[in-house]
Amino acid sequence: MKGSSKESYKERLCITLDSDVLEAVRRLAAADDRPVSSYINRCLKLVVMKEAEESQKDQSVS
């Protein structure tokens, strides 16, 4: 069911990566048995969540 709270909406994006970065991501995605796009999405989510946590900590200290 589209729009349900358990389903996240996906958007298409075209990016350019360095060849060595893409090759490393391909290897890591294969080792994790994930498609490259899912692996990149997972990595970006982890980075964004970490940045948000650090930002909250900085704001609470101020």
C-alpha atoms as a PDB file:
ATOM      1  CA  MET A   1       0.000   0.000   0.000  1.00  0.00           C
ATOM      2  CA  LYS A   2       1.587   3.248  -1.148  1.00  0.00           C
ATOM      3  CA  GLY A   3       2.014   5.914   1.511  1.00  0.00           C
ATOM      4  CA  SER A   4       1.777   3.579   4.497  1.00  0.00           C
ATOM      5  CA  SER A   5       3.890   4.441   7.514  1.00  0.00           C
ATOM      6  CA  LYS A   6       5.993   1.289   7.082  1.00  0.00           C
ATOM      7  CA  GLU A   7       6.841   2.111   3.474  1.00  0.00           C
ATOM      8  CA  SER A   8       9.308   4.867   2.717  1.00  0.00           C
ATOM      9  CA  TYR A   9       8.999   6.798  -0.494  1.00  0.00           C
ATOM     10  CA  LYS A  10      11.989   6.437  -2.793  1.00  0.00           C
ATOM     11  CA  GLU A  11      13.207   9.126  -5.159  1.00  0.00           C
ATOM     12  CA  ARG A  12      15.539   8.689  -8.081  1.00  0.00           C
ATOM     13  CA  LEU A  13      18.829  10.554  -8.087  1.00  0.00           C
ATOM     14  CA  CYS A  14      21.717  10.575 -10.492  1.00  0.00           C
ATOM     15  CA  ILE A  15      25.168  11.016  -8.934  1.00  0.00           C
ATOM     16  CA  THR A  16      28.730  10.799 -10.173  1.00  0.00           C
ATOM     17  CA  LEU A  17      31.216   8.783  -8.130  1.00  0.00           C
ATOM     18  CA  ASP A  18      34.934   8.286  -8.451  1.00  0.00           C
ATOM     19  CA  SER A  19      35.685   4.924 -10.054  1.00  0.00           C
ATOM     20  CA  ASP A  20      37.574   3.628  -7.037  1.00  0.00           C
ATOM     21  CA  VAL A  21      34.752   4.612  -4.678  1.00  0.00           C
ATOM     22  CA  LEU A  22      32.151   2.912  -6.859  1.00  0.00           C
ATOM     23  CA  GLU A  23      34.218  -0.254  -7.100  1.00  0.00           C
ATOM     24  CA  ALA A  24      34.629  -0.345  -3.307  1.00  0.00           C
ATOM     25  CA  VAL A  25      30.891   0.192  -2.825  1.00  0.00           C
ATOM     26  CA  ARG A  26      30.142  -2.592  -5.305  1.00  0.00           C
ATOM     27  CA  ARG A  27      32.407  -4.993  -3.401  1.00  0.00           C
ATOM     28  CA  LEU A  28      30.937  -4.043  -0.034  1.00  0.00           C
ATOM     29  CA  ALA A  29      27.361  -4.292  -1.337  1.00  0.00           C
ATOM     30  CA  ALA A  30      28.044  -7.730  -2.799  1.00  0.00           C
ATOM     31  CA  ALA A  31      29.616  -8.902   0.465  1.00  0.00           C
ATOM     32  CA  ASP A  32      26.504  -7.651   2.301  1.00  0.00           C
ATOM     33  CA  ASP A  33      24.249  -9.296  -0.326  1.00  0.00           C
ATOM     34  CA  ARG A  34      22.562  -5.982  -1.184  1.00  0.00           C
ATOM     35  CA  PRO A  35      22.045  -4.026  -4.387  1.00  0.00           C
ATOM     36  CA  VAL A  36      24.445  -1.101  -4.754  1.00  0.00           C
ATOM     37  CA  SER A  37      21.645   1.470  -4.410  1.00  0.00           C
ATOM     38  CA  SER A  38      20.393  -0.139  -1.186  1.00  0.00           C
ATOM     39  CA  TYR A  39      23.910  -0.250   0.217  1.00  0.00           C
ATOM     40  CA  ILE A  40      24.517   3.433  -0.592  1.00  0.00           C
ATOM     41  CA  ASN A  41      21.141   4.333   0.959  1.00  0.00           C
ATOM     42  CA  ARG A  42      22.024   2.392   4.124  1.00  0.00           C
ATOM     43  CA  CYS A  43      25.422   4.098   4.403  1.00  0.00           C
ATOM     44  CA  LEU A  44      23.927   7.546   3.899  1.00  0.00           C
ATOM     45  CA  LYS A  45      21.241   6.883   6.518  1.00  0.00           C
ATOM     46  CA  LEU A  46      23.930   5.932   9.049  1.00  0.00           C
ATOM     47  CA  VAL A  47      25.915   9.104   8.328  1.00  0.00           C
ATOM     48  CA  VAL A  48      22.830  11.335   8.487  1.00  0.00           C
ATOM     49  CA  MET A  49      21.678   9.763  11.758  1.00  0.00           C
ATOM     50  CA  LYS A  50      25.136  10.186  13.292  1.00  0.00           C
ATOM     51  CA  GLU A  51      25.301  13.837  12.205  1.00  0.00           C
ATOM     52  CA  ALA A  52      21.826  14.481  13.643  1.00  0.00           C
ATOM     53  CA  GLU A  53      22.831  12.917  16.983  1.00  0.00           C
ATOM     54  CA  GLU A  54      26.010  14.998  17.149  1.00  0.00           C
ATOM     55  CA  SER A  55      24.077  18.142  16.275  1.00  0.00           C
ATOM     56  CA  GLN A  56      21.585  17.445  19.083  1.00  0.00           C
ATOM     57  CA  LYS A  57      24.435  16.917  21.548  1.00  0.00           C
ATOM     58  CA  ASP A  58      26.044  20.206  20.494  1.00  0.00           C
ATOM     59  CA  GLN A  59      22.743  22.072  20.926  1.00  0.00           C
ATOM     60  CA  SER A  60      22.098  20.595  24.368  1.00  0.00           C
ATOM     61  CA  VAL A  61      25.577  21.591  25.590  1.00  0.00           C
ATOM     62  CA  SER A  62      25.161  25.216  24.448  1.00  0.00           C
END
